[in-house]
Amino acid sequence: MPRPTLLDHRSPDSSRPLPRPAGVLRARAPLRVSFAGGGTDMPFYYAEHQGAVLASTINRYTYVSLAPGSDHGAVSIASLDFDLMVKYRLDKKPAYDGVLDLAKAAIRRLVPADFPGGFDVYVQSDAPAGSGLGGSSSLTLALIGTLSGLLGTPLDRYQLAELAYEIERVDLAMKGGKQDQYGIAFGGFNFIEFSCKEIVVHPLRIDPGVLKDIECHLLLCYTGRTRLSAGVISRQEDFLRQGRPETLEGLERLRGLCYQMKNALLREQLGDFAELLNEEWRHKVQANPHVTTPAIDEMLAVARQQGAIGGKLLGAGAGGYLLLFCEVNRKRKVYEALEQLGGQFMNFSFVDDGLTVWRSQCP
């Protein structure tokens, strides 16, 4: 796919910059849960073996607001979740020092150094960093949404996803695959296939009643521990380069499970779907033993003892959220048992929307 660029913001017949829109631009990008296939969406894997992911967006979001500033050429970025703020000028390269780097990188990639005027950016998220819910890509896409609105340069969903991937993986060298960028840009319940030739997003037509039933059975439990995914992913990449048989077999099985889980959902076989979550986790650990910890193993074991039929850890591993499929009449027991181990629960539901951008006249 051609590399998308937003760096040409001038009118075709002169060097005069395009006019800046009035008002505050806002964007909302959902978080996501991934049911199977994580790891097969990484280019170093799917370029040779092909990959597949089954995932859905949920009603938890990252929000970005962009307001015109009074200082020409100046940018300020503030996190509304933490006491963090950075200020710099567009004609100076920002320091990537771990403080709001995704916002800095998105602005540097999209906004020209001689952009007329300045602006202020505010970011906020419904989930902590390192939660395994795709928060980094959600933030990157919401940033791209407001910035492309500011510049008057619309992008389609595939371009949005690829641009978010490049900002995260190329500009900032963050380890990871492509499922988050694509799943969040498109939104909804999707089956996504990856190959060296193309990436195809297949929206799934799941009966609304089945989706509501799945929601009734699921619990989303924060383990109390965030994780740095880069180390976990680097180890898996090393295993692949070394030709570790368990890793190759585990990833191939994860890819196959996506097709089985998709079919189970479309055929309304929720018991099979729940059992496949267990199998997904077993093969994820097989592919890379570093994805789990003794504390995570204990939480999953206790959840199953109390009535969870299936369960797995979301994201790259070693921390974040557990996704548990439970007997409805035993959800309370699972809830109470995991709270005793430090678990924290988040209510959620599936949503169809991906990245959304709008304009507001209210600060």
Protein backbone atom coordinates (compact mmCIF):
# COMPACT_ATOMS: atom_id res chain seq x y z
CA MET A 1 0.00 0.00 0.00
CA PRO A 2 1.45 3.45 -0.88
CA ARG A 3 2.68 5.43 2.08
CA PRO A 4 0.15 8.16 2.85
CA THR A 5 1.43 11.67 3.44
CA LEU A 6 -0.19 14.88 4.61
CA LEU A 7 2.81 17.15 4.20
CA ASP A 8 1.59 19.08 1.14
CA HIS A 9 -0.88 21.55 2.64
CA ARG A 10 -0.54 24.36 0.12
CA SER A 11 -2.96 25.36 -2.59
CA PRO A 12 -2.05 24.07 -6.07
CA ASP A 13 -1.79 27.52 -7.64
CA SER A 14 0.28 29.42 -5.11
CA SER A 15 2.48 29.13 -2.04
CA ARG A 16 -0.30 30.59 0.09
CA PRO A 17 -1.20 28.25 3.02
CA LEU A 18 -4.69 26.86 3.20
CA PRO A 19 -6.98 28.73 5.63
CA ARG A 20 -7.33 27.46 9.17
CA PRO A 21 -10.80 26.31 10.23
CA ALA A 22 -12.58 28.08 13.08
CA GLY A 23 -13.71 26.46 16.32
CA VAL A 24 -12.42 23.52 18.31
CA LEU A 25 -11.81 20.20 16.58
CA ARG A 26 -12.55 17.11 18.62
CA ALA A 27 -11.98 13.43 17.94
CA ARG A 28 -12.92 10.21 19.67
CA ALA A 29 -11.33 6.84 18.93
CA PRO A 30 -12.52 3.64 20.66
CA LEU A 31 -10.46 1.11 22.53
CA ARG A 32 -10.67 -2.54 21.48
CA VAL A 33 -10.66 -6.11 22.73
CA SER A 34 -8.83 -8.75 20.69
CA PHE A 35 -10.13 -12.31 20.82
CA ALA A 36 -7.51 -14.15 18.76
CA GLY A 37 -4.59 -13.77 16.41
CA GLY A 38 -2.45 -11.22 18.23
CA GLY A 39 1.16 -11.59 17.08
CA THR A 40 0.26 -12.73 13.57
CA ASP A 41 -0.46 -9.08 12.67
CA MET A 42 3.22 -8.13 12.87
CA PRO A 43 4.87 -7.54 9.49
CA PHE A 44 7.92 -9.65 10.36
CA TYR A 45 5.52 -12.58 10.74
CA TYR A 46 2.75 -12.11 8.18
CA ALA A 47 5.13 -11.17 5.36
CA GLU A 48 6.06 -14.85 5.23
CA HIS A 49 3.31 -16.76 7.01
CA GLN A 50 0.16 -14.55 6.70
CA GLY A 51 -1.87 -13.49 9.70
CA ALA A 52 -5.42 -12.99 10.97
CA VAL A 53 -7.03 -11.22 13.93
CA LEU A 54 -10.53 -11.23 15.40
CA ALA A 55 -11.34 -8.11 17.43
CA SER A 56 -14.02 -5.57 18.30
CA THR A 57 -14.12 -1.96 19.40
CA ILE A 58 -15.77 -1.15 22.74
CA ASN A 59 -17.45 1.87 24.32
CA ARG A 60 -14.30 3.12 26.01
CA TYR A 61 -12.43 5.89 24.21
CA THR A 62 -9.49 8.20 23.79
CA TYR A 63 -10.44 11.85 23.28
CA VAL A 64 -8.45 14.64 21.64
CA SER A 65 -9.37 18.32 21.39
CA LEU A 66 -7.49 20.81 19.24
CA ALA A 67 -8.06 24.55 19.74
CA PRO A 68 -6.54 27.51 17.91
CA GLY A 69 -3.72 29.13 19.90
CA SER A 70 -2.75 32.76 20.17
CA ASP A 71 1.00 32.29 19.70
CA HIS A 72 1.99 31.96 16.02
CA GLY A 73 3.92 28.74 15.36
CA ALA A 74 3.62 27.51 18.95
CA VAL A 75 2.11 24.20 20.09
CA SER A 76 1.06 23.10 23.57
CA ILE A 77 0.02 19.53 24.42
CA ALA A 78 -1.65 18.65 27.70
CA SER A 79 -2.81 15.36 29.21
CA LEU A 80 -6.08 15.74 31.12
CA ASP A 81 -5.42 12.41 32.88
CA PHE A 82 -2.04 13.40 34.29
CA ASP A 83 -0.32 16.63 35.23
CA LEU A 84 1.66 16.72 32.00
CA MET A 85 2.16 19.52 29.51
CA VAL A 86 4.72 20.27 26.83
CA LYS A 87 5.21 23.40 24.74
CA TYR A 88 7.41 23.89 21.70
CA ARG A 89 7.55 25.60 18.32
CA LEU A 90 6.65 23.91 15.05
CA ASP A 91 9.94 24.89 13.42
CA LYS A 92 11.89 23.01 16.12
CA LYS A 93 12.07 19.22 16.37
CA PRO A 94 10.48 18.15 19.67
CA ALA A 95 12.38 15.97 22.11
CA TYR A 96 11.07 12.40 22.26
CA ASP A 97 11.59 11.94 25.98
CA GLY A 98 8.63 9.76 26.97
CA VAL A 99 6.31 12.69 27.70
CA LEU A 100 3.39 12.84 25.23
CA ASP A 101 5.61 11.50 22.45
CA LEU A 102 2.74 10.15 20.36
CA ALA A 103 1.21 13.62 20.14
CA LYS A 104 4.57 15.18 19.27
CA ALA A 105 5.23 12.60 16.56
CA ALA A 106 1.78 12.94 15.01
CA ILE A 107 2.11 16.72 14.86
CA ARG A 108 5.61 16.52 13.39
CA ARG A 109 4.48 14.02 10.73
CA LEU A 110 1.37 15.96 9.67
CA VAL A 111 1.90 19.66 10.31
CA PRO A 112 4.45 21.67 8.28
CA ALA A 113 6.99 23.79 10.15
CA ASP A 114 5.65 26.99 8.54
CA PHE A 115 2.01 26.32 9.41
CA PRO A 116 0.25 29.69 9.98
CA GLY A 117 -0.70 30.08 13.62
CA GLY A 118 -0.43 27.83 16.62
CA PHE A 119 -2.73 25.45 18.45
CA ASP A 120 -3.34 23.69 21.75
CA VAL A 121 -3.97 19.94 22.05
CA TYR A 122 -5.67 18.17 24.95
CA VAL A 123 -5.75 14.37 25.31
CA GLN A 124 -7.67 12.06 27.63
CA SER A 125 -8.19 8.27 27.78
CA ASP A 126 -10.60 5.85 29.44
CA ALA A 127 -7.83 3.29 30.07
CA PRO A 128 -4.31 3.41 31.50
CA ALA A 129 -1.27 3.08 29.26
CA GLY A 130 -0.12 -0.52 28.84
CA SER A 131 -3.64 -1.88 29.42
CA GLY A 132 -3.72 -4.13 26.34
CA LEU A 133 -6.78 -2.31 24.95
CA GLY A 134 -5.03 -0.58 22.05
CA GLY A 135 -4.73 2.76 23.83
CA SER A 136 -1.65 3.95 21.94
CA SER A 137 -3.27 3.45 18.54
CA SER A 138 -6.52 4.94 19.78
CA LEU A 139 -4.65 8.09 20.80
CA THR A 140 -2.65 8.23 17.56
CA LEU A 141 -5.79 7.92 15.43
CA ALA A 142 -7.65 10.58 17.41
CA LEU A 143 -4.68 12.90 16.94
CA ILE A 144 -4.58 12.22 13.20
CA GLY A 145 -8.30 12.90 13.03
CA THR A 146 -8.06 16.36 14.56
CA LEU A 147 -4.88 17.28 12.66
CA SER A 148 -6.25 16.18 9.27
CA GLY A 149 -9.37 18.23 10.05
CA LEU A 150 -7.21 21.23 10.87
CA LEU A 151 -5.31 20.87 7.60
CA GLY A 152 -8.30 19.99 5.41
CA THR A 153 -6.77 16.72 4.21
CA PRO A 154 -9.29 13.85 4.51
CA LEU A 155 -8.07 10.25 4.66
CA ASP A 156 -9.90 6.97 4.15
CA ARG A 157 -9.85 4.27 6.83
CA TYR A 158 -7.00 2.31 5.29
CA GLN A 159 -4.87 5.47 5.01
CA LEU A 160 -5.66 6.40 8.61
CA ALA A 161 -4.54 2.97 9.81
CA GLU A 162 -1.31 2.98 7.81
CA LEU A 163 -0.42 6.50 8.89
CA ALA A 164 -1.03 5.64 12.55
CA TYR A 165 1.16 2.55 12.13
CA GLU A 166 4.00 4.61 10.65
CA ILE A 167 3.86 7.22 13.39
CA GLU A 168 4.01 4.56 16.11
CA ARG A 169 6.27 1.94 14.57
CA VAL A 170 8.52 3.99 12.27
CA ASP A 171 8.73 7.50 13.69
CA LEU A 172 8.81 6.39 17.34
CA ALA A 173 10.12 2.82 16.81
CA MET A 174 7.43 1.37 19.08
CA LYS A 175 7.21 -2.40 18.82
CA GLY A 176 3.93 -3.96 17.72
CA GLY A 177 1.68 -5.06 14.90
CA LYS A 178 -1.14 -3.53 12.86
CA GLN A 179 -4.35 -4.91 14.33
CA ASP A 180 -5.00 -1.93 16.62
CA GLN A 181 -4.63 0.71 13.94
CA TYR A 182 -6.93 -1.10 11.52
CA GLY A 183 -9.50 -2.32 14.03
CA ILE A 184 -9.88 1.09 15.67
CA ALA A 185 -9.87 3.10 12.43
CA PHE A 186 -12.71 0.96 11.03
CA GLY A 187 -14.59 0.19 14.24
CA GLY A 188 -17.01 -2.66 14.93
CA PHE A 189 -16.55 -6.42 15.08
CA ASN A 190 -13.94 -7.29 12.45
CA PHE A 191 -12.04 -10.23 11.06
CA ILE A 192 -8.79 -8.82 9.64
CA GLU A 193 -6.42 -10.71 7.33
CA PHE A 194 -2.78 -9.74 6.86
CA SER A 195 -0.41 -10.69 4.05
CA CYS A 196 2.58 -9.21 2.24
CA LYS A 197 0.24 -8.19 -0.61
CA GLU A 198 -2.65 -6.59 1.27
CA ILE A 199 -4.55 -6.10 4.50
CA VAL A 200 -8.29 -6.74 4.30
CA VAL A 201 -10.84 -5.78 6.96
CA HIS A 202 -13.96 -7.99 6.96
CA PRO A 203 -16.83 -6.56 9.08
CA LEU A 204 -18.78 -9.42 10.69
CA ARG A 205 -22.56 -9.50 10.58
CA ILE A 206 -23.23 -10.96 14.01
CA ASP A 207 -26.82 -11.07 15.19
CA PRO A 208 -27.39 -8.17 17.65
CA GLY A 209 -28.96 -10.57 20.14
CA VAL A 210 -25.85 -12.76 20.04
CA LEU A 211 -23.64 -9.73 20.71
CA LYS A 212 -25.78 -8.79 23.71
CA ASP A 213 -25.55 -12.35 24.97
CA ILE A 214 -21.75 -12.32 24.64
CA GLU A 215 -21.63 -9.05 26.60
CA CYS A 216 -23.69 -10.67 29.36
CA HIS A 217 -21.08 -13.42 29.69
CA LEU A 218 -17.91 -11.32 29.50
CA LEU A 219 -15.92 -9.64 32.25
CA LEU A 220 -13.05 -7.23 31.68
CA CYS A 221 -10.66 -7.28 34.63
CA TYR A 222 -7.63 -5.04 35.06
CA THR A 223 -4.81 -7.03 36.64
CA GLY A 224 -3.45 -3.97 38.40
CA ARG A 225 -0.27 -4.18 36.38
CA THR A 226 0.63 -2.34 33.20
CA ARG A 227 3.31 -3.67 30.91
CA LEU A 228 5.89 -2.43 28.46
CA SER A 229 4.98 -4.40 25.35
CA ALA A 230 8.27 -3.69 23.58
CA GLY A 231 10.23 -6.25 25.60
CA VAL A 232 7.62 -8.98 25.19
CA ILE A 233 7.36 -8.40 21.44
CA SER A 234 11.15 -8.26 21.01
CA ARG A 235 11.49 -11.67 22.61
CA GLN A 236 8.87 -13.12 20.28
CA GLU A 237 10.63 -11.58 17.30
CA ASP A 238 13.89 -13.13 18.50
CA PHE A 239 12.20 -16.53 18.80
CA LEU A 240 10.99 -16.25 15.20
CA ARG A 241 14.39 -15.29 13.87
CA GLN A 242 15.89 -18.23 15.73
CA GLY A 243 13.29 -20.53 14.18
CA ARG A 244 11.98 -21.67 17.57
CA PRO A 245 9.51 -24.46 16.66
CA GLU A 246 7.13 -23.72 19.55
CA THR A 247 6.81 -20.10 18.45
CA LEU A 248 6.14 -20.96 14.82
CA GLU A 249 3.60 -23.60 15.77
CA GLY A 250 1.92 -21.35 18.34
CA LEU A 251 1.48 -18.44 15.94
CA GLU A 252 0.18 -20.69 13.18
CA ARG A 253 -2.34 -22.12 15.61
CA LEU A 254 -3.37 -18.61 16.71
CA ARG A 255 -4.07 -17.70 13.12
CA GLY A 256 -6.19 -20.83 12.63
CA LEU A 257 -8.13 -20.10 15.82
CA CYS A 258 -9.32 -16.80 14.33
CA TYR A 259 -11.21 -18.68 11.64
CA GLN A 260 -12.67 -21.11 14.19
CA MET A 261 -13.77 -18.33 16.51
CA LYS A 262 -15.29 -16.34 13.66
CA ASN A 263 -17.30 -19.38 12.57
CA ALA A 264 -18.41 -20.07 16.14
CA LEU A 265 -19.74 -16.53 16.46
CA LEU A 266 -21.53 -16.54 13.13
CA ARG A 267 -23.10 -19.92 13.99
CA GLU A 268 -24.04 -18.67 17.48
CA GLN A 269 -21.99 -21.40 19.17
CA LEU A 270 -20.98 -19.39 22.22
CA GLY A 271 -19.85 -22.38 24.28
CA ASP A 272 -17.33 -23.23 21.58
CA PHE A 273 -16.29 -19.58 21.40
CA ALA A 274 -15.58 -19.55 25.14
CA GLU A 275 -13.49 -22.72 25.01
CA LEU A 276 -11.49 -21.31 22.11
CA LEU A 277 -10.49 -18.36 24.30
CA ASN A 278 -8.68 -20.86 26.54
CA GLU A 279 -7.00 -22.46 23.57
CA GLU A 280 -5.97 -19.03 22.26
CA TRP A 281 -4.24 -18.27 25.56
CA ARG A 282 -2.46 -21.63 25.65
CA HIS A 283 -1.00 -21.08 22.19
CA LYS A 284 -0.10 -17.48 22.95
CA VAL A 285 2.00 -18.72 25.87
CA GLN A 286 3.42 -21.45 23.65
CA ALA A 287 4.54 -18.86 21.11
CA ASN A 288 6.11 -16.65 23.78
CA PRO A 289 6.30 -17.76 27.44
CA HIS A 290 7.11 -14.18 28.48
CA VAL A 291 3.51 -13.05 27.88
CA THR A 292 2.46 -14.37 31.28
CA THR A 293 3.54 -14.04 34.91
CA PRO A 294 2.81 -16.11 38.04
CA ALA A 295 0.30 -13.45 39.16
CA ILE A 296 -1.57 -13.60 35.84
CA ASP A 297 -1.57 -17.40 35.90
CA GLU A 298 -3.06 -17.29 39.40
CA MET A 299 -5.82 -14.87 38.39
CA LEU A 300 -6.80 -16.99 35.40
CA ALA A 301 -6.77 -20.18 37.48
CA VAL A 302 -8.93 -18.63 40.19
CA ALA A 303 -11.36 -17.25 37.61
CA ARG A 304 -11.81 -20.72 36.10
CA GLN A 305 -12.30 -22.29 39.50
CA GLN A 306 -15.09 -19.80 40.21
CA GLY A 307 -16.95 -20.26 36.92
CA ALA A 308 -15.08 -18.68 34.02
CA ILE A 309 -15.45 -20.99 31.01
CA GLY A 310 -12.77 -19.23 28.99
CA GLY A 311 -10.27 -16.47 29.46
CA LYS A 312 -7.12 -14.79 28.21
CA LEU A 313 -4.94 -11.75 28.73
CA LEU A 314 -5.38 -8.93 26.23
CA GLY A 315 -2.56 -7.16 24.43
CA ALA A 316 1.08 -8.13 24.09
CA GLY A 317 1.17 -9.73 27.53
CA ALA A 318 2.68 -9.50 31.04
CA GLY A 319 -0.01 -7.08 32.29
CA GLY A 320 -3.16 -5.18 31.41
CA TYR A 321 -6.69 -6.59 31.21
CA LEU A 322 -8.06 -10.12 31.41
CA LEU A 323 -11.04 -10.99 29.21
CA LEU A 324 -13.19 -13.67 30.83
CA PHE A 325 -16.22 -15.55 29.48
CA CYS A 326 -18.29 -16.69 32.48
CA GLU A 327 -21.47 -18.50 33.30
CA VAL A 328 -23.85 -15.60 33.95
CA ASN A 329 -25.00 -16.91 37.34
CA ARG A 330 -21.37 -17.24 38.48
CA LYS A 331 -20.02 -13.89 37.32
CA ARG A 332 -20.36 -12.46 40.82
CA LYS A 333 -18.17 -15.21 42.29
CA VAL A 334 -15.49 -14.57 39.65
CA TYR A 335 -15.76 -10.84 40.31
CA GLU A 336 -15.33 -11.20 44.08
CA ALA A 337 -12.49 -13.72 43.84
CA LEU A 338 -10.44 -11.57 41.47
CA GLU A 339 -11.07 -8.43 43.50
CA GLN A 340 -9.40 -10.25 46.39
CA LEU A 341 -6.34 -10.62 44.14
CA GLY A 342 -6.29 -6.92 43.25
CA GLY A 343 -8.41 -7.10 40.09
CA GLN A 344 -10.42 -4.05 39.00
CA PHE A 345 -13.40 -4.40 36.67
CA MET A 346 -14.55 -2.24 33.77
CA ASN A 347 -18.06 -2.37 32.33
CA PHE A 348 -18.18 -2.25 28.55
CA SER A 349 -20.22 -3.02 25.47
CA PHE A 350 -19.37 -3.52 21.79
CA VAL A 351 -19.70 -0.55 19.44
CA ASP A 352 -19.69 -0.14 15.67
CA ASP A 353 -18.00 3.24 15.53
CA GLY A 354 -14.33 3.76 14.79
CA LEU A 355 -12.56 7.12 14.67
CA THR A 356 -15.03 10.03 14.82
CA VAL A 357 -14.15 13.71 14.29
CA TRP A 358 -16.37 16.75 14.76
CA ARG A 359 -16.21 20.51 15.24
CA SER A 360 -17.39 22.36 18.35
CA GLN A 361 -17.97 26.05 18.95
CA CYS A 362 -17.76 25.50 22.71
CA PRO A 363 -14.29 25.47 24.37
